Amino acid sequence: MGMSEMKRCLAGGSAIALGVLLSGCGGGGGTASTPPPTYTKLADLTGNRTFQSAGIHWTFSPGQLSGLSVQKYGAGVTIAYNASSDSFTLTAPDGVTDTFSSATSTPPPGFVPPPDGVVLYNNAGGIFVVPKQPLVNGVALSYTALGGWVHIQNNVPSVYAAVSGVPTIASDMPRSGTANYQTSIVGAVYTGQPNSYGLTSDSSATFSANFGAGTVATTLHLVGAQNNLLPVDFGSYTGSGTIASGSPGFSGALASTVPNSIMPSGEFSGAFFGPQAKEMGYSWYLSGSAGSSLSAEGTVVGTK
């Protein structure tokens, strides 16, 4: 897979994103109740800030993904934004860092401009992709954002795709009831061929949360297209997971609805964002068993 294709996959398929939380003051003395926390939308954030993320990590091999793993919320990539220099310093869980600035971003040879609304930073060691705000049913989310980081070491692209944003405060997480989310899905499927299959609009996802039980459930239906070829149905997958105690984060496992020796399985990791877990997002991956070249990755976002 070439660098140009890798950029297209990241810009359209996955992603790290940015958010910070401003909590409200506590209530007065006596028996006065504590007012609900205050949240600032992503579009209204200003100044220096540091962001946490949840997502997945992999390295590129020709036509497929390898070394796939999930990173739970708070244990993924950390993004520190410096307002005066308009720069981002990304720190991976293993301590690797990379700094990107609009003032020093230099596109590499053969640069392919990103899609409209996608900001692409380049430096000698990698690429940082910041897509436009994700949409659900044509409406931009307010508290959830996506992104992707390619860090090149020894000529091997190491990729982090994640979700972040303005996280739901632990004390503001619902403790009872259930919720179904309207969703959208982006991603790509790899079959060992030179080019990947980008997910089409025929792909779909569902997501629900049982806050009383502390669990989440999801389904994925993946349909991909490659160049001008007819779309290919890569099957459906179900997932179940748990909400981390004292955190907006959640994670779980994915399995094919038609399990056999070659159908892939995988994991997902994400978090809830905004007041009362109004929005959610997670990154996911699928990987075939030994002897299978099928793998996939992407992101699902949603709103109540």
Protein backbone atom coordinates (compact mmCIF):
# COMPACT_ATOMS: atom_id res chain seq x y z
CA MET A 1 0.00 0.00 0.00
CA GLY A 2 1.44 3.39 -1.01
CA MET A 3 1.59 6.49 1.16
CA SER A 4 -1.11 8.24 -0.91
CA GLU A 5 -3.57 5.37 -0.39
CA MET A 6 -2.73 5.22 3.30
CA LYS A 7 -3.62 8.92 3.62
CA ARG A 8 -6.94 8.40 1.87
CA CYS A 9 -7.79 5.49 4.17
CA LEU A 10 -6.96 7.53 7.27
CA ALA A 11 -8.80 10.65 6.13
CA GLY A 12 -11.92 8.71 5.19
CA GLY A 13 -11.77 5.75 7.49
CA SER A 14 -10.34 6.31 10.87
CA ALA A 15 -9.09 8.27 13.14
CA ILE A 16 -7.52 10.97 17.10
CA ALA A 17 -9.34 13.74 18.03
CA LEU A 18 -9.55 16.58 20.29
CA GLY A 19 -11.53 17.70 23.24
CA VAL A 20 -11.44 19.21 26.67
CA LEU A 21 -13.91 19.47 29.47
CA LEU A 22 -14.92 22.47 31.56
CA SER A 23 -16.74 21.30 34.65
CA GLY A 24 -19.21 23.42 36.57
CA CYS A 25 -18.79 24.63 40.12
CA GLY A 26 -20.32 22.68 42.97
CA GLY A 27 -23.49 23.70 44.74
CA GLY A 28 -23.68 25.76 47.89
CA GLY A 29 -23.81 24.54 51.46
CA GLY A 30 -26.66 22.86 53.27
CA THR A 31 -28.98 20.68 51.25
CA ALA A 32 -28.71 22.58 47.95
CA SER A 33 -28.29 20.25 45.01
CA THR A 34 -25.18 20.28 42.83
CA PRO A 35 -25.86 21.87 39.45
CA PRO A 36 -25.13 19.77 36.37
CA PRO A 37 -21.63 20.08 34.90
CA THR A 38 -21.00 22.51 32.06
CA TYR A 39 -19.63 21.26 28.73
CA THR A 40 -17.94 23.28 26.01
CA LYS A 41 -18.51 22.21 22.42
CA LEU A 42 -15.46 21.39 20.33
CA ALA A 43 -16.07 24.37 18.04
CA ASP A 44 -15.92 26.73 21.03
CA LEU A 45 -12.69 25.49 22.62
CA THR A 46 -9.82 27.98 22.97
CA GLY A 47 -6.32 28.12 24.45
CA ASN A 48 -3.88 25.36 25.34
CA ARG A 49 -5.38 21.97 26.12
CA THR A 50 -4.56 18.30 26.45
CA PHE A 51 -6.75 15.50 25.15
CA GLN A 52 -7.14 11.80 25.86
CA SER A 53 -8.28 9.23 23.31
CA ALA A 54 -9.40 5.65 22.77
CA GLY A 55 -8.71 3.66 19.64
CA ILE A 56 -6.67 1.08 17.81
CA HIS A 57 -3.08 0.64 16.63
CA TRP A 58 -1.53 -1.33 13.78
CA THR A 59 1.39 -1.48 11.37
CA PHE A 60 1.06 -1.64 7.60
CA SER A 61 1.97 -4.68 5.53
CA PRO A 62 1.31 -4.84 1.79
CA GLY A 63 -2.47 -4.99 1.36
CA GLN A 64 -3.27 -5.83 4.97
CA LEU A 65 -2.93 -4.81 8.61
CA SER A 66 -0.72 -6.47 11.21
CA GLY A 67 -0.05 -6.11 14.92
CA LEU A 68 -3.60 -4.92 15.59
CA SER A 69 -4.50 -3.91 19.15
CA VAL A 70 -6.93 -1.66 21.03
CA GLN A 71 -6.13 1.20 23.36
CA LYS A 72 -8.70 1.96 26.03
CA TYR A 73 -9.80 5.49 26.80
CA GLY A 74 -7.12 7.32 28.78
CA ALA A 75 -4.47 4.77 27.80
CA GLY A 76 -4.31 5.72 24.12
CA VAL A 77 -2.58 8.58 22.34
CA THR A 78 -2.39 11.87 24.25
CA ILE A 79 -2.62 15.09 22.26
CA ALA A 80 -1.28 18.37 23.63
CA TYR A 81 -2.31 21.47 21.70
CA ASN A 82 -0.26 24.69 21.95
CA ALA A 83 -2.37 27.65 20.89
CA SER A 84 0.46 30.16 20.43
CA SER A 85 2.32 27.94 17.94
CA ASP A 86 -0.81 26.23 16.58
CA SER A 87 0.91 22.89 17.06
CA PHE A 88 0.02 19.41 18.29
CA THR A 89 2.36 17.13 20.22
CA LEU A 90 1.20 13.51 20.08
CA THR A 91 2.43 10.96 22.62
CA ALA A 92 1.91 7.24 22.08
CA PRO A 93 1.41 4.80 24.97
CA ASP A 94 5.01 3.60 24.53
CA GLY A 95 6.32 7.16 24.94
CA VAL A 96 7.02 7.93 21.26
CA THR A 97 6.26 11.58 20.47
CA ASP A 98 5.71 13.62 17.31
CA THR A 99 4.99 17.35 16.91
CA PHE A 100 3.00 18.80 14.03
CA SER A 101 2.50 22.47 13.17
CA SER A 102 0.74 24.21 10.30
CA ALA A 103 3.78 26.50 10.02
CA THR A 104 6.22 23.64 9.41
CA SER A 105 3.99 21.14 7.60
CA THR A 106 5.70 20.05 4.37
CA PRO A 107 3.83 17.69 2.01
CA PRO A 108 5.98 14.78 0.80
CA PRO A 109 6.67 14.06 -2.89
CA GLY A 110 3.59 12.73 -4.68
CA PHE A 111 1.31 14.47 -2.18
CA VAL A 112 -2.39 13.86 -2.78
CA PRO A 113 -4.57 16.66 -1.36
CA PRO A 114 -6.96 15.39 1.35
CA PRO A 115 -10.75 15.48 0.94
CA ASP A 116 -12.57 18.73 1.59
CA GLY A 117 -12.62 19.62 5.27
CA VAL A 118 -9.74 17.31 6.26
CA VAL A 119 -6.60 18.94 7.70
CA LEU A 120 -3.42 17.02 6.99
CA TYR A 121 -0.15 17.83 8.79
CA ASN A 122 3.18 16.39 7.61
CA ASN A 123 6.68 16.27 9.04
CA ALA A 124 9.79 14.19 8.43
CA GLY A 125 8.56 11.41 10.71
CA GLY A 126 4.89 11.08 9.96
CA ILE A 127 1.40 12.35 9.21
CA PHE A 128 -1.37 13.68 11.43
CA VAL A 129 -4.90 13.62 9.99
CA VAL A 130 -7.67 15.73 11.53
CA PRO A 131 -10.96 15.08 9.69
CA LYS A 132 -13.92 17.42 9.75
CA GLN A 133 -16.47 16.87 12.49
CA PRO A 134 -18.19 13.50 12.01
CA LEU A 135 -21.78 13.50 10.76
CA VAL A 136 -24.74 11.38 11.81
CA ASN A 137 -27.73 11.66 9.48
CA GLY A 138 -26.14 14.76 7.99
CA VAL A 139 -25.75 16.59 11.32
CA ALA A 140 -22.29 17.29 12.78
CA LEU A 141 -21.60 15.99 16.27
CA SER A 142 -20.77 18.63 18.89
CA TYR A 143 -18.53 16.78 21.35
CA THR A 144 -16.89 13.91 19.42
CA ALA A 145 -13.97 14.10 17.00
CA LEU A 146 -11.76 11.71 15.04
CA GLY A 147 -8.22 11.55 13.74
CA GLY A 148 -5.27 9.41 12.70
CA TRP A 149 -1.52 9.46 13.28
CA VAL A 150 1.07 7.69 11.12
CA HIS A 151 4.49 7.51 12.76
CA ILE A 152 7.22 6.06 10.55
CA GLN A 153 9.99 4.10 12.30
CA ASN A 154 12.63 2.16 10.37
CA ASN A 155 10.54 2.72 7.23
CA VAL A 156 7.55 0.94 8.82
CA PRO A 157 4.33 2.98 9.18
CA SER A 158 2.88 2.62 12.68
CA VAL A 159 -0.72 3.86 12.71
CA TYR A 160 -2.96 5.08 15.54
CA ALA A 161 -6.66 5.67 14.79
CA ALA A 162 -8.83 7.01 17.57
CA VAL A 163 -11.77 8.96 18.89
CA SER A 164 -11.71 11.74 21.45
CA GLY A 165 -13.57 14.89 22.31
CA VAL A 166 -15.28 16.48 25.27
CA PRO A 167 -15.72 13.41 27.52
CA THR A 168 -18.71 12.78 29.73
CA ILE A 169 -17.69 13.49 33.33
CA ALA A 170 -17.70 10.31 35.42
CA SER A 171 -20.24 11.81 37.85
CA ASP A 172 -22.49 12.73 34.91
CA MET A 173 -22.54 9.24 33.41
CA PRO A 174 -26.04 7.70 33.53
CA ARG A 175 -26.33 4.99 36.19
CA SER A 176 -29.62 3.47 35.04
CA GLY A 177 -31.70 2.97 31.94
CA THR A 178 -30.74 2.15 28.37
CA ALA A 179 -30.09 4.18 25.23
CA ASN A 180 -29.98 3.50 21.50
CA TYR A 181 -27.74 5.67 19.32
CA GLN A 182 -28.12 6.79 15.73
CA THR A 183 -24.79 6.01 14.09
CA SER A 184 -22.50 6.39 11.13
CA ILE A 185 -19.53 4.19 10.17
CA VAL A 186 -16.35 4.73 8.16
CA GLY A 187 -13.44 2.39 7.51
CA ALA A 188 -11.70 0.07 5.08
CA VAL A 189 -11.30 -3.65 4.41
CA TYR A 190 -7.99 -5.24 3.38
CA THR A 191 -7.76 -8.54 1.51
CA GLY A 192 -4.06 -8.82 0.79
CA GLN A 193 -4.44 -7.01 -2.54
CA PRO A 194 -2.53 -3.79 -3.32
CA ASN A 195 -5.62 -1.62 -2.81
CA SER A 196 -8.08 -1.61 0.05
CA TYR A 197 -11.88 -1.57 -0.10
CA GLY A 198 -13.31 1.65 1.32
CA LEU A 199 -16.60 1.18 3.16
CA THR A 200 -19.59 2.45 1.19
CA SER A 201 -22.85 4.04 2.31
CA ASP A 202 -24.39 0.56 2.26
CA SER A 203 -22.35 -0.24 5.38
CA SER A 204 -24.13 0.27 8.69
CA ALA A 205 -23.72 0.04 12.45
CA THR A 206 -25.91 -0.06 15.54
CA PHE A 207 -24.95 0.81 19.11
CA SER A 208 -26.78 0.62 22.43
CA ALA A 209 -25.87 1.05 26.08
CA ASN A 210 -27.33 -0.49 29.20
CA PHE A 211 -26.14 1.99 31.81
CA GLY A 212 -27.64 0.09 34.71
CA ALA A 213 -25.72 -3.08 33.80
CA GLY A 214 -22.64 -1.17 32.61
CA THR A 215 -22.62 -2.85 29.18
CA VAL A 216 -22.65 -1.87 25.51
CA ALA A 217 -23.67 -3.76 22.36
CA THR A 218 -22.98 -3.07 18.69
CA THR A 219 -23.35 -4.57 15.22
CA LEU A 220 -21.42 -3.87 12.02
CA HIS A 221 -22.38 -4.64 8.42
CA LEU A 222 -19.43 -4.03 6.08
CA VAL A 223 -19.80 -3.33 2.35
CA GLY A 224 -16.69 -2.16 0.52
CA ALA A 225 -15.84 -0.88 -2.95
CA GLN A 226 -12.52 -0.73 -4.80
CA ASN A 227 -11.98 1.68 -7.68
CA ASN A 228 -14.83 1.19 -10.18
CA LEU A 229 -15.54 -2.43 -9.24
CA LEU A 230 -18.87 -3.61 -7.89
CA PRO A 231 -19.31 -3.41 -4.09
CA VAL A 232 -18.40 -6.48 -2.02
CA ASP A 233 -20.34 -7.58 1.08
CA PHE A 234 -17.85 -8.55 3.78
CA GLY A 235 -20.48 -9.76 6.24
CA SER A 236 -21.95 -8.76 9.57
CA TYR A 237 -20.40 -8.73 13.03
CA THR A 238 -21.71 -8.38 16.55
CA GLY A 239 -19.95 -6.90 19.53
CA SER A 240 -20.45 -6.69 23.27
CA GLY A 241 -18.45 -4.87 25.90
CA THR A 242 -18.37 -3.13 29.24
CA ILE A 243 -18.28 0.46 30.44
CA ALA A 244 -15.22 1.12 32.60
CA SER A 245 -16.05 1.97 36.21
CA GLY A 246 -15.59 5.67 36.97
CA SER A 247 -14.86 6.47 33.32
CA PRO A 248 -16.69 7.37 30.11
CA GLY A 249 -14.66 4.69 28.32
CA PHE A 250 -15.87 1.31 27.08
CA SER A 251 -14.36 -1.62 25.18
CA GLY A 252 -15.33 -5.06 23.92
CA ALA A 253 -14.95 -7.84 21.36
CA LEU A 254 -16.32 -8.36 17.82
CA ALA A 255 -17.22 -11.66 16.14
CA SER A 256 -18.74 -12.68 12.81
CA THR A 257 -22.41 -13.62 12.75
CA VAL A 258 -21.33 -16.60 10.58
CA PRO A 259 -18.27 -17.85 12.45
CA ASN A 260 -15.91 -20.21 10.69
CA SER A 261 -12.19 -20.80 10.43
CA ILE A 262 -11.48 -17.83 8.15
CA MET A 263 -13.98 -15.13 9.19
CA PRO A 264 -12.24 -12.39 11.15
CA SER A 265 -12.86 -11.35 14.74
CA GLY A 266 -11.67 -8.28 16.57
CA GLU A 267 -12.06 -5.63 19.23
CA PHE A 268 -13.36 -2.09 19.73
CA SER A 269 -12.58 0.71 22.15
CA GLY A 270 -14.23 4.08 22.65
CA ALA A 271 -15.95 6.51 24.99
CA PHE A 272 -19.02 8.63 25.65
CA PHE A 273 -18.89 12.38 25.06
CA GLY A 274 -20.95 15.39 26.08
CA PRO A 275 -23.62 15.75 28.78
CA GLN A 276 -25.23 12.52 30.02
CA ALA A 277 -23.36 10.43 27.42
CA LYS A 278 -25.20 12.22 24.59
CA GLU A 279 -22.63 11.14 21.98
CA MET A 280 -20.31 8.17 21.57
CA GLY A 281 -17.51 7.00 19.34
CA TYR A 282 -15.27 3.98 19.02
CA SER A 283 -12.54 2.64 16.77
CA TRP A 284 -12.60 -1.05 15.79
CA TYR A 285 -10.59 -3.68 13.99
CA LEU A 286 -11.11 -7.16 12.55
CA SER A 287 -8.40 -9.68 11.80
CA GLY A 288 -8.65 -13.13 10.19
CA SER A 289 -7.19 -16.27 11.70
CA ALA A 290 -3.97 -17.88 10.47
CA GLY A 291 -4.12 -18.39 6.74
CA SER A 292 -6.64 -15.58 6.17
CA SER A 293 -5.60 -12.26 4.62
CA LEU A 294 -8.85 -10.47 5.54
CA SER A 295 -8.60 -7.56 7.96
CA ALA A 296 -10.50 -4.31 8.50
CA GLU A 297 -10.51 -1.14 10.58
CA GLY A 298 -12.71 1.85 11.10
CA THR A 299 -14.69 4.11 13.39
CA VAL A 300 -18.31 4.31 14.53
CA VAL A 301 -19.83 7.48 16.01
CA GLY A 302 -23.31 8.10 17.28
CA THR A 303 -25.76 10.31 19.15
CA LYS A 304 -28.86 9.66 21.22
